[in-house]
């Protein structure tokens, strides 16, 4: 496994909860934006009609702490959707994340199977799931492993299921920040997060039909909210060795961060591709 994958696993742990909570002070907006991007209740109802009276079977890939299903309950009114309770399976290499996501599931989602593995190692029946989604989930998958990861993704939904992937473009903050961070402290851009563009290319090698909606917005906070900003940025790199002051003082990262600070407000520009994926 790569160094960035190992770091991400280390940071998805109880020991890093404070940093995680600081990160979500800003990053919760990512999931609210996704929840508001389309009518998820009607979308789930359409999928329910396709499978009939049985519950939908859904796989949450790299489930993290369950912010997306929680955002659907808070911002997309899925509790009102005319669907059976979804059988909601959780996949993540971190047992901590699986437990966090399971505890965050809203009423319409019932925890089902658990896979404490990376997506690349998923072993299930072909078409075991009607829906698989990965929301801000696949950054630490090395580019060389994306074809295998996407093959497993398609294996999970088979010929009749549907996939949802929300991921940052190389133009957005998560990828841009990580590149500048690596150039400033590690000089190892081989560890750079995978981008939406790379994911799309890997999907297309498997004959995917992809409907893409590009979302642009900012994560922000006042300059005075120092702890939240520092924790957010450390989590963006899965690396808490460097303080906010050190990041601002080290180039080229410092110049990028200065471009995100204006009139006492931090604003980190996001460019995210919401991809609906079928065979």
C-alpha atoms as a PDB file:
ATOM      1  CA  UNK A   1       0.000   0.000   0.000  1.00  0.00           C
ATOM      2  CA  UNK A   2       1.116   3.592  -0.577  1.00  0.00           C
ATOM      3  CA  UNK A   3       2.217   6.010   2.100  1.00  0.00           C
ATOM      4  CA  UNK A   4      -0.868   8.185   1.590  1.00  0.00           C
ATOM      5  CA  UNK A   5      -3.159   5.170   2.051  1.00  0.00           C
ATOM      6  CA  UNK A   6      -1.376   4.263   5.282  1.00  0.00           C
ATOM      7  CA  UNK A   7      -1.653   7.844   6.526  1.00  0.00           C
ATOM      8  CA  UNK A   8      -5.349   7.995   5.710  1.00  0.00           C
ATOM      9  CA  UNK A   9      -5.983   4.775   7.653  1.00  0.00           C
ATOM     10  CA  UNK A  10      -4.037   6.158  10.604  1.00  0.00           C
ATOM     11  CA  UNK A  11      -6.140   9.318  10.617  1.00  0.00           C
ATOM     12  CA  UNK A  12      -9.446   7.433  10.501  1.00  0.00           C
ATOM     13  CA  UNK A  13      -9.132   6.447  14.150  1.00  0.00           C
ATOM     14  CA  UNK A  14     -10.303   7.416  17.614  1.00  0.00           C
ATOM     15  CA  UNK A  15      -6.892   8.978  18.296  1.00  0.00           C
ATOM     16  CA  UNK A  16      -7.500  11.511  15.509  1.00  0.00           C
ATOM     17  CA  UNK A  17     -11.106  12.349  16.399  1.00  0.00           C
ATOM     18  CA  UNK A  18     -10.320  15.962  17.358  1.00  0.00           C
ATOM     19  CA  UNK A  19      -8.700  16.587  13.977  1.00  0.00           C
ATOM     20  CA  UNK A  20     -11.605  14.859  12.217  1.00  0.00           C
ATOM     21  CA  UNK A  21     -14.141  17.061  13.987  1.00  0.00           C
ATOM     22  CA  UNK A  22     -12.154  20.188  13.089  1.00  0.00           C
ATOM     23  CA  UNK A  23     -12.098  19.043   9.461  1.00  0.00           C
ATOM     24  CA  UNK A  24     -15.864  18.648   9.385  1.00  0.00           C
ATOM     25  CA  UNK A  25     -16.354  22.172  10.714  1.00  0.00           C
ATOM     26  CA  UNK A  26     -15.695  23.135   7.093  1.00  0.00           C
ATOM     27  CA  UNK A  27     -16.109  19.888   5.151  1.00  0.00           C
ATOM     28  CA  UNK A  28     -19.689  19.180   6.213  1.00  0.00           C
ATOM     29  CA  UNK A  29     -20.559  21.658   3.456  1.00  0.00           C
ATOM     30  CA  UNK A  30     -19.293  19.123   0.894  1.00  0.00           C
ATOM     31  CA  UNK A  31     -22.099  16.745   1.830  1.00  0.00           C
ATOM     32  CA  UNK A  32     -24.779  19.427   2.118  1.00  0.00           C
ATOM     33  CA  UNK A  33     -23.921  20.565  -1.421  1.00  0.00           C
ATOM     34  CA  UNK A  34     -24.198  16.973  -2.658  1.00  0.00           C
ATOM     35  CA  UNK A  35     -27.508  16.452  -0.867  1.00  0.00           C
ATOM     36  CA  UNK A  36     -28.913  19.593  -2.477  1.00  0.00           C
ATOM     37  CA  UNK A  37     -27.522  18.848  -5.952  1.00  0.00           C
ATOM     38  CA  UNK A  38     -30.458  16.682  -7.033  1.00  0.00           C
ATOM     39  CA  UNK A  39     -33.755  15.271  -5.801  1.00  0.00           C
ATOM     40  CA  UNK A  40     -32.408  12.171  -4.075  1.00  0.00           C
ATOM     41  CA  UNK A  41     -35.812  11.147  -2.739  1.00  0.00           C
ATOM     42  CA  UNK A  42     -37.267  10.859  -6.240  1.00  0.00           C
ATOM     43  CA  UNK A  43     -34.067   9.234  -7.477  1.00  0.00           C
ATOM     44  CA  UNK A  44     -34.328   6.532  -4.796  1.00  0.00           C
ATOM     45  CA  UNK A  45     -38.033   6.081  -5.559  1.00  0.00           C
ATOM     46  CA  UNK A  46     -37.170   5.440  -9.218  1.00  0.00           C
ATOM     47  CA  UNK A  47     -34.614   2.826  -8.203  1.00  0.00           C
ATOM     48  CA  UNK A  48     -37.159   1.246  -5.846  1.00  0.00           C
ATOM     49  CA  UNK A  49     -39.656   0.835  -8.708  1.00  0.00           C
ATOM     50  CA  UNK A  50     -37.040  -1.040 -10.705  1.00  0.00           C
ATOM     51  CA  UNK A  51     -36.516  -3.675  -7.989  1.00  0.00           C
ATOM     52  CA  UNK A  52     -40.151  -4.065  -6.949  1.00  0.00           C
ATOM     53  CA  UNK A  53     -41.272  -4.732  -3.395  1.00  0.00           C
ATOM     54  CA  UNK A  54     -37.955  -5.855  -1.945  1.00  0.00           C
ATOM     55  CA  UNK A  55     -35.624  -3.356  -0.242  1.00  0.00           C
ATOM     56  CA  UNK A  56     -32.914  -1.653  -2.236  1.00  0.00           C
ATOM     57  CA  UNK A  57     -29.432  -3.008  -1.571  1.00  0.00           C
ATOM     58  CA  UNK A  58     -26.824  -0.226  -1.339  1.00  0.00           C
ATOM     59  CA  UNK A  59     -23.061  -0.251  -0.815  1.00  0.00           C
ATOM     60  CA  UNK A  60     -21.367   2.825   0.671  1.00  0.00           C
ATOM     61  CA  UNK A  61     -17.768   2.642  -0.581  1.00  0.00           C
ATOM     62  CA  UNK A  62     -15.147   4.073   1.784  1.00  0.00           C
ATOM     63  CA  UNK A  63     -17.997   5.170   4.017  1.00  0.00           C
ATOM     64  CA  UNK A  64     -15.937   7.442   6.267  1.00  0.00           C
ATOM     65  CA  UNK A  65     -18.042   8.770   9.116  1.00  0.00           C
ATOM     66  CA  UNK A  66     -21.413   8.638   7.350  1.00  0.00           C
ATOM     67  CA  UNK A  67     -21.704  12.322   6.501  1.00  0.00           C
ATOM     68  CA  UNK A  68     -23.458  11.744   3.176  1.00  0.00           C
ATOM     69  CA  UNK A  69     -26.418   9.663   4.427  1.00  0.00           C
ATOM     70  CA  UNK A  70     -26.741  12.077   7.346  1.00  0.00           C
ATOM     71  CA  UNK A  71     -26.816  15.008   4.901  1.00  0.00           C
ATOM     72  CA  UNK A  72     -29.505  13.274   2.839  1.00  0.00           C
ATOM     73  CA  UNK A  73     -31.690  13.090   5.936  1.00  0.00           C
ATOM     74  CA  UNK A  74     -31.020  16.726   6.864  1.00  0.00           C
ATOM     75  CA  UNK A  75     -31.131  18.385   3.437  1.00  0.00           C
ATOM     76  CA  UNK A  76     -32.830  16.037   0.961  1.00  0.00           C
ATOM     77  CA  UNK A  77     -35.961  14.913   2.848  1.00  0.00           C
ATOM     78  CA  UNK A  78     -35.345  11.252   2.091  1.00  0.00           C
ATOM     79  CA  UNK A  79     -37.424  10.266   5.122  1.00  0.00           C
ATOM     80  CA  UNK A  80     -40.440  11.181   2.982  1.00  0.00           C
ATOM     81  CA  UNK A  81     -39.360   9.008   0.045  1.00  0.00           C
ATOM     82  CA  UNK A  82     -41.746   6.192  -0.896  1.00  0.00           C
ATOM     83  CA  UNK A  83     -39.174   3.415  -0.564  1.00  0.00           C
ATOM     84  CA  UNK A  84     -38.624   0.341   1.559  1.00  0.00           C
ATOM     85  CA  UNK A  85     -35.946   0.669   4.230  1.00  0.00           C
ATOM     86  CA  UNK A  86     -32.662   0.401   2.314  1.00  0.00           C
ATOM     87  CA  UNK A  87     -30.302  -2.462   3.175  1.00  0.00           C
ATOM     88  CA  UNK A  88     -27.199  -0.327   3.634  1.00  0.00           C
ATOM     89  CA  UNK A  89     -23.803  -2.046   3.509  1.00  0.00           C
ATOM     90  CA  UNK A  90     -20.612  -0.329   4.622  1.00  0.00           C
ATOM     91  CA  UNK A  91     -17.146  -0.719   3.112  1.00  0.00           C
ATOM     92  CA  UNK A  92     -14.040   0.897   4.555  1.00  0.00           C
ATOM     93  CA  UNK A  93     -10.532  -0.266   5.503  1.00  0.00           C
ATOM     94  CA  UNK A  94     -11.069   1.374   8.917  1.00  0.00           C
ATOM     95  CA  UNK A  95     -13.189  -0.362  11.572  1.00  0.00           C
ATOM     96  CA  UNK A  96     -13.489   3.056  13.258  1.00  0.00           C
ATOM     97  CA  UNK A  97     -15.082   4.510  10.133  1.00  0.00           C
ATOM     98  CA  UNK A  98     -17.528   1.632   9.766  1.00  0.00           C
ATOM     99  CA  UNK A  99     -18.676   2.086  13.365  1.00  0.00           C
ATOM    100  CA  UNK A 100     -19.008   5.865  12.919  1.00  0.00           C
ATOM    101  CA  UNK A 101     -20.975   5.507   9.678  1.00  0.00           C
ATOM    102  CA  UNK A 102     -23.258   2.828  11.109  1.00  0.00           C
ATOM    103  CA  UNK A 103     -24.148   5.067  14.060  1.00  0.00           C
ATOM    104  CA  UNK A 104     -24.957   7.969  11.699  1.00  0.00           C
ATOM    105  CA  UNK A 105     -27.420   6.143   9.442  1.00  0.00           C
ATOM    106  CA  UNK A 106     -30.828   7.839   9.219  1.00  0.00           C
ATOM    107  CA  UNK A 107     -34.150   6.049   9.577  1.00  0.00           C
ATOM    108  CA  UNK A 108     -34.507   5.043   5.915  1.00  0.00           C
ATOM    109  CA  UNK A 109     -31.179   3.159   5.967  1.00  0.00           C
ATOM    110  CA  UNK A 110     -30.658  -0.064   7.925  1.00  0.00           C
ATOM    111  CA  UNK A 111     -27.091  -1.301   8.432  1.00  0.00           C
ATOM    112  CA  UNK A 112     -26.473  -4.551   6.583  1.00  0.00           C
ATOM    113  CA  UNK A 113     -23.162  -6.103   5.556  1.00  0.00           C
ATOM    114  CA  UNK A 114     -19.759  -4.747   6.576  1.00  0.00           C
ATOM    115  CA  UNK A 115     -16.527  -4.972   4.583  1.00  0.00           C
ATOM    116  CA  UNK A 116     -13.410  -3.858   6.470  1.00  0.00           C
ATOM    117  CA  UNK A 117     -11.283  -3.689   3.318  1.00  0.00           C
ATOM    118  CA  UNK A 118     -10.274  -1.334   0.497  1.00  0.00           C
ATOM    119  CA  UNK A 119     -12.536  -1.353  -2.537  1.00  0.00           C
ATOM    120  CA  UNK A 120      -9.834  -3.153  -4.527  1.00  0.00           C
ATOM    121  CA  UNK A 121     -10.326  -6.237  -2.309  1.00  0.00           C
ATOM    122  CA  UNK A 122     -14.123  -6.397  -2.487  1.00  0.00           C
ATOM    123  CA  UNK A 123     -15.368  -9.966  -2.927  1.00  0.00           C
ATOM    124  CA  UNK A 124     -19.111 -10.222  -3.445  1.00  0.00           C
ATOM    125  CA  UNK A 125     -21.552 -11.703  -5.939  1.00  0.00           C
ATOM    126  CA  UNK A 126     -21.839  -9.961  -9.293  1.00  0.00           C
ATOM    127  CA  UNK A 127     -24.637  -7.396  -9.030  1.00  0.00           C
ATOM    128  CA  UNK A 128     -24.956  -7.862  -5.265  1.00  0.00           C
ATOM    129  CA  UNK A 129     -25.999  -4.216  -4.944  1.00  0.00           C
ATOM    130  CA  UNK A 130     -28.559  -2.062  -6.729  1.00  0.00           C
ATOM    131  CA  UNK A 131     -26.621   1.091  -5.847  1.00  0.00           C
ATOM    132  CA  UNK A 132     -22.991   1.747  -4.949  1.00  0.00           C
ATOM    133  CA  UNK A 133     -21.864   5.209  -4.016  1.00  0.00           C
ATOM    134  CA  UNK A 134     -18.522   6.736  -3.103  1.00  0.00           C
ATOM    135  CA  UNK A 135     -18.700  10.343  -1.925  1.00  0.00           C
ATOM    136  CA  UNK A 136     -15.344  12.092  -1.408  1.00  0.00           C
ATOM    137  CA  UNK A 137     -14.071   8.601  -0.748  1.00  0.00           C
ATOM    138  CA  UNK A 138     -11.410   7.440  -3.195  1.00  0.00           C
ATOM    139  CA  UNK A 139      -8.609  10.012  -2.925  1.00  0.00           C
ATOM    140  CA  UNK A 140      -6.105   7.571  -1.421  1.00  0.00           C
ATOM    141  CA  UNK A 141      -6.592   4.928  -4.129  1.00  0.00           C
ATOM    142  CA  UNK A 142      -3.318   5.065  -6.123  1.00  0.00           C
ATOM    143  CA  UNK A 143      -3.801   5.868  -9.822  1.00  0.00           C
ATOM    144  CA  UNK A 144      -2.261   2.518 -10.753  1.00  0.00           C
ATOM    145  CA  UNK A 145      -4.976   0.747  -8.740  1.00  0.00           C
ATOM    146  CA  UNK A 146      -7.940   2.749 -10.059  1.00  0.00           C
ATOM    147  CA  UNK A 147      -8.699   0.296 -12.904  1.00  0.00           C
ATOM    148  CA  UNK A 148      -8.962  -2.564 -10.382  1.00  0.00           C
ATOM    149  CA  UNK A 149     -10.995  -0.422  -7.974  1.00  0.00           C
ATOM    150  CA  UNK A 150     -13.450   0.503 -10.719  1.00  0.00           C
ATOM    151  CA  UNK A 151     -13.660  -3.114 -11.874  1.00  0.00           C
ATOM    152  CA  UNK A 152     -14.696  -4.084  -8.335  1.00  0.00           C
ATOM    153  CA  UNK A 153     -17.151  -1.154  -8.256  1.00  0.00           C
ATOM    154  CA  UNK A 154     -18.805  -2.404 -11.447  1.00  0.00           C
ATOM    155  CA  UNK A 155     -18.717  -6.004 -10.209  1.00  0.00           C
ATOM    156  CA  UNK A 156     -20.729  -4.906  -7.168  1.00  0.00           C
ATOM    157  CA  UNK A 157     -23.538  -3.338  -9.225  1.00  0.00           C
ATOM    158  CA  UNK A 158     -23.436  -5.691 -12.214  1.00  0.00           C
ATOM    159  CA  UNK A 159     -25.235  -4.843 -15.438  1.00  0.00           C
ATOM    160  CA  UNK A 160     -28.391  -3.484 -13.833  1.00  0.00           C
ATOM    161  CA  UNK A 161     -27.191  -1.425 -10.869  1.00  0.00           C
ATOM    162  CA  UNK A 162     -26.116   2.212 -10.743  1.00  0.00           C
ATOM    163  CA  UNK A 163     -23.117   3.979  -9.263  1.00  0.00           C
ATOM    164  CA  UNK A 164     -22.706   7.438  -7.755  1.00  0.00           C
ATOM    165  CA  UNK A 165     -19.258   8.965  -7.360  1.00  0.00           C
ATOM    166  CA  UNK A 166     -18.631  12.470  -6.037  1.00  0.00           C
ATOM    167  CA  UNK A 167     -14.982  13.461  -6.218  1.00  0.00           C
ATOM    168  CA  UNK A 168     -12.830  16.586  -6.440  1.00  0.00           C
ATOM    169  CA  UNK A 169     -11.503  17.725  -9.784  1.00  0.00           C
ATOM    170  CA  UNK A 170      -7.820  18.480 -10.166  1.00  0.00           C
ATOM    171  CA  UNK A 171      -8.973  22.126 -10.362  1.00  0.00           C
ATOM    172  CA  UNK A 172     -10.447  22.096  -6.845  1.00  0.00           C
ATOM    173  CA  UNK A 173      -8.994  22.673  -3.399  1.00  0.00           C
ATOM    174  CA  UNK A 174      -8.483  19.091  -2.237  1.00  0.00           C
ATOM    175  CA  UNK A 175      -6.199  18.134  -5.125  1.00  0.00           C
ATOM    176  CA  UNK A 176      -4.550  21.549  -5.501  1.00  0.00           C
ATOM    177  CA  UNK A 177      -3.787  21.821  -1.776  1.00  0.00           C
ATOM    178  CA  UNK A 178      -2.395  18.297  -1.619  1.00  0.00           C
ATOM    179  CA  UNK A 179      -0.086  18.932  -4.575  1.00  0.00           C
ATOM    180  CA  UNK A 180       1.306  22.109  -2.991  1.00  0.00           C
ATOM    181  CA  UNK A 181       1.630  20.381   0.381  1.00  0.00           C
ATOM    182  CA  UNK A 182       3.652  17.530  -1.112  1.00  0.00           C
ATOM    183  CA  UNK A 183       5.893  19.928  -3.035  1.00  0.00           C
ATOM    184  CA  UNK A 184       6.486  21.917   0.159  1.00  0.00           C
ATOM    185  CA  UNK A 185       7.142  19.140   2.656  1.00  0.00           C
ATOM    186  CA  UNK A 186       7.580  15.739   0.986  1.00  0.00           C
ATOM    187  CA  UNK A 187       8.718  16.482  -2.583  1.00  0.00           C
ATOM    188  CA  UNK A 188       6.837  13.329  -3.546  1.00  0.00           C
ATOM    189  CA  UNK A 189       4.002  14.107  -5.935  1.00  0.00           C
ATOM    190  CA  UNK A 190       3.771  10.396  -6.734  1.00  0.00           C
ATOM    191  CA  UNK A 191       1.669  10.291  -3.568  1.00  0.00           C
ATOM    192  CA  UNK A 192      -0.830  12.862  -4.917  1.00  0.00           C
ATOM    193  CA  UNK A 193      -4.507  12.074  -4.425  1.00  0.00           C
ATOM    194  CA  UNK A 194      -6.403  10.603  -7.343  1.00  0.00           C
ATOM    195  CA  UNK A 195      -8.631  13.169  -9.077  1.00  0.00           C
ATOM    196  CA  UNK A 196     -12.092  13.033 -10.616  1.00  0.00           C
ATOM    197  CA  UNK A 197     -10.461  13.162 -14.029  1.00  0.00           C
ATOM    198  CA  UNK A 198      -8.430  10.020 -13.272  1.00  0.00           C
ATOM    199  CA  UNK A 199     -11.473   8.253 -11.893  1.00  0.00           C
ATOM    200  CA  UNK A 200     -13.460   9.090 -15.014  1.00  0.00           C
ATOM    201  CA  UNK A 201     -10.698   7.700 -17.208  1.00  0.00           C
ATOM    202  CA  UNK A 202     -10.627   4.464 -15.193  1.00  0.00           C
ATOM    203  CA  UNK A 203     -14.421   4.175 -15.428  1.00  0.00           C
ATOM    204  CA  UNK A 204     -14.320   4.669 -19.180  1.00  0.00           C
ATOM    205  CA  UNK A 205     -11.850   1.801 -19.581  1.00  0.00           C
ATOM    206  CA  UNK A 206     -14.662  -0.417 -18.287  1.00  0.00           C
ATOM    207  CA  UNK A 207     -17.175   0.969 -20.782  1.00  0.00           C
ATOM    208  CA  UNK A 208     -18.964   3.207 -18.313  1.00  0.00           C
ATOM    209  CA  UNK A 209     -21.744   5.570 -19.277  1.00  0.00           C
ATOM    210  CA  UNK A 210     -21.190   8.654 -17.121  1.00  0.00           C
ATOM    211  CA  UNK A 211     -23.527  11.565 -16.509  1.00  0.00           C
ATOM    212  CA  UNK A 212     -21.540  14.342 -14.827  1.00  0.00           C
ATOM    213  CA  UNK A 213     -22.702  17.392 -12.926  1.00  0.00           C
ATOM    214  CA  UNK A 214     -19.950  19.816 -11.892  1.00  0.00           C
ATOM    215  CA  UNK A 215     -20.405  21.512  -8.519  1.00  0.00           C
ATOM    216  CA  UNK A 216     -18.480  24.671  -7.597  1.00  0.00           C
ATOM    217  CA  UNK A 217     -18.542  26.222  -4.129  1.00  0.00           C
ATOM    218  CA  UNK A 218     -16.223  27.175  -1.262  1.00  0.00           C
ATOM    219  CA  UNK A 219     -15.448  25.794   2.158  1.00  0.00           C
ATOM    220  CA  UNK A 220     -14.920  28.743   4.464  1.00  0.00           C
ATOM    221  CA  UNK A 221     -14.421  30.043   7.977  1.00  0.00           C
ATOM    222  CA  UNK A 222     -13.259  33.248   9.665  1.00  0.00           C
ATOM    223  CA  UNK A 223      -9.510  33.701  10.076  1.00  0.00           C
ATOM    224  CA  UNK A 224     -10.100  33.811  13.832  1.00  0.00           C
ATOM    225  CA  UNK A 225     -11.294  30.187  13.812  1.00  0.00           C
ATOM    226  CA  UNK A 226      -7.704  29.031  13.790  1.00  0.00           C
ATOM    227  CA  UNK A 227      -8.170  25.549  15.299  1.00  0.00           C
ATOM    228  CA  UNK A 228     -10.793  24.604  12.709  1.00  0.00           C
ATOM    229  CA  UNK A 229      -8.699  25.895   9.806  1.00  0.00           C
ATOM    230  CA  UNK A 230      -5.564  24.116  11.001  1.00  0.00           C
ATOM    231  CA  UNK A 231      -7.421  20.859  11.596  1.00  0.00           C
ATOM    232  CA  UNK A 232      -9.158  21.107   8.227  1.00  0.00           C
ATOM    233  CA  UNK A 233      -5.894  21.598   6.351  1.00  0.00           C
ATOM    234  CA  UNK A 234      -4.059  18.889   8.271  1.00  0.00           C
ATOM    235  CA  UNK A 235      -6.844  16.469   7.438  1.00  0.00           C
ATOM    236  CA  UNK A 236      -6.745  17.558   3.795  1.00  0.00           C
ATOM    237  CA  UNK A 237      -3.231  16.084   3.719  1.00  0.00           C
ATOM    238  CA  UNK A 238      -3.766  13.325   6.316  1.00  0.00           C
ATOM    239  CA  UNK A 239      -0.686  14.825   7.941  1.00  0.00           C
ATOM    240  CA  UNK A 240      -0.694  16.709  11.243  1.00  0.00           C
ATOM    241  CA  UNK A 241       3.064  17.229  11.530  1.00  0.00           C
ATOM    242  CA  UNK A 242       2.861  20.866  10.441  1.00  0.00           C
ATOM    243  CA  UNK A 243       0.996  23.761  12.033  1.00  0.00           C
ATOM    244  CA  UNK A 244      -0.975  26.373  10.129  1.00  0.00           C
ATOM    245  CA  UNK A 245       1.910  28.832  10.658  1.00  0.00           C
ATOM    246  CA  UNK A 246       4.404  26.352   9.192  1.00  0.00           C
ATOM    247  CA  UNK A 247       2.161  25.723   6.202  1.00  0.00           C
ATOM    248  CA  UNK A 248       1.780  29.446   5.552  1.00  0.00           C
ATOM    249  CA  UNK A 249       5.543  29.988   5.867  1.00  0.00           C
ATOM    250  CA  UNK A 250       6.606  27.197   3.479  1.00  0.00           C
ATOM    251  CA  UNK A 251       6.523  27.577  -0.286  1.00  0.00           C
ATOM    252  CA  UNK A 252       4.842  26.892  -2.614  1.00  0.00           C
ATOM    253  CA  UNK A 253       2.044  25.981  -0.190  1.00  0.00           C
ATOM    254  CA  UNK A 254       2.166  29.365   1.542  1.00  0.00           C
ATOM    255  CA  UNK A 255       1.401  31.248  -1.662  1.00  0.00           C
ATOM    256  CA  UNK A 256      -1.587  29.001  -2.375  1.00  0.00           C
ATOM    257  CA  UNK A 257      -2.955  29.501   1.133  1.00  0.00           C
ATOM    258  CA  UNK A 258      -2.569  33.281   0.904  1.00  0.00           C
ATOM    259  CA  UNK A 259      -4.718  33.188  -2.236  1.00  0.00           C
ATOM    260  CA  UNK A 260      -7.470  31.576  -0.128  1.00  0.00           C
ATOM    261  CA  UNK A 261      -7.470  34.297   2.558  1.00  0.00           C
ATOM    262  CA  UNK A 262      -9.241  37.563   1.917  1.00  0.00           C
ATOM    263  CA  UNK A 263     -10.509  40.232   4.325  1.00  0.00           C
ATOM    264  CA  UNK A 264     -10.273  37.940   7.329  1.00  0.00           C
ATOM    265  CA  UNK A 265     -12.079  35.001   5.695  1.00  0.00           C
ATOM    266  CA  UNK A 266     -10.651  31.691   4.541  1.00  0.00           C
ATOM    267  CA  UNK A 267     -12.318  30.464   1.343  1.00  0.00           C
ATOM    268  CA  UNK A 268     -11.152  27.228  -0.220  1.00  0.00           C
ATOM    269  CA  UNK A 269     -12.506  26.882  -3.791  1.00  0.00           C
ATOM    270  CA  UNK A 270     -13.987  23.489  -4.570  1.00  0.00           C
ATOM    271  CA  UNK A 271     -14.650  21.912  -7.958  1.00  0.00           C
ATOM    272  CA  UNK A 272     -16.409  18.577  -7.533  1.00  0.00           C
ATOM    273  CA  UNK A 273     -17.755  16.205 -10.170  1.00  0.00           C
ATOM    274  CA  UNK A 274     -20.929  14.323  -9.272  1.00  0.00           C
ATOM    275  CA  UNK A 275     -20.934  11.311 -11.584  1.00  0.00           C
ATOM    276  CA  UNK A 276     -23.882   8.958 -12.139  1.00  0.00           C
ATOM    277  CA  UNK A 277     -22.403   5.765 -13.537  1.00  0.00           C
ATOM    278  CA  UNK A 278     -23.952   2.857 -15.421  1.00  0.00           C
ATOM    279  CA  UNK A 279     -22.728   0.178 -17.817  1.00  0.00           C
END
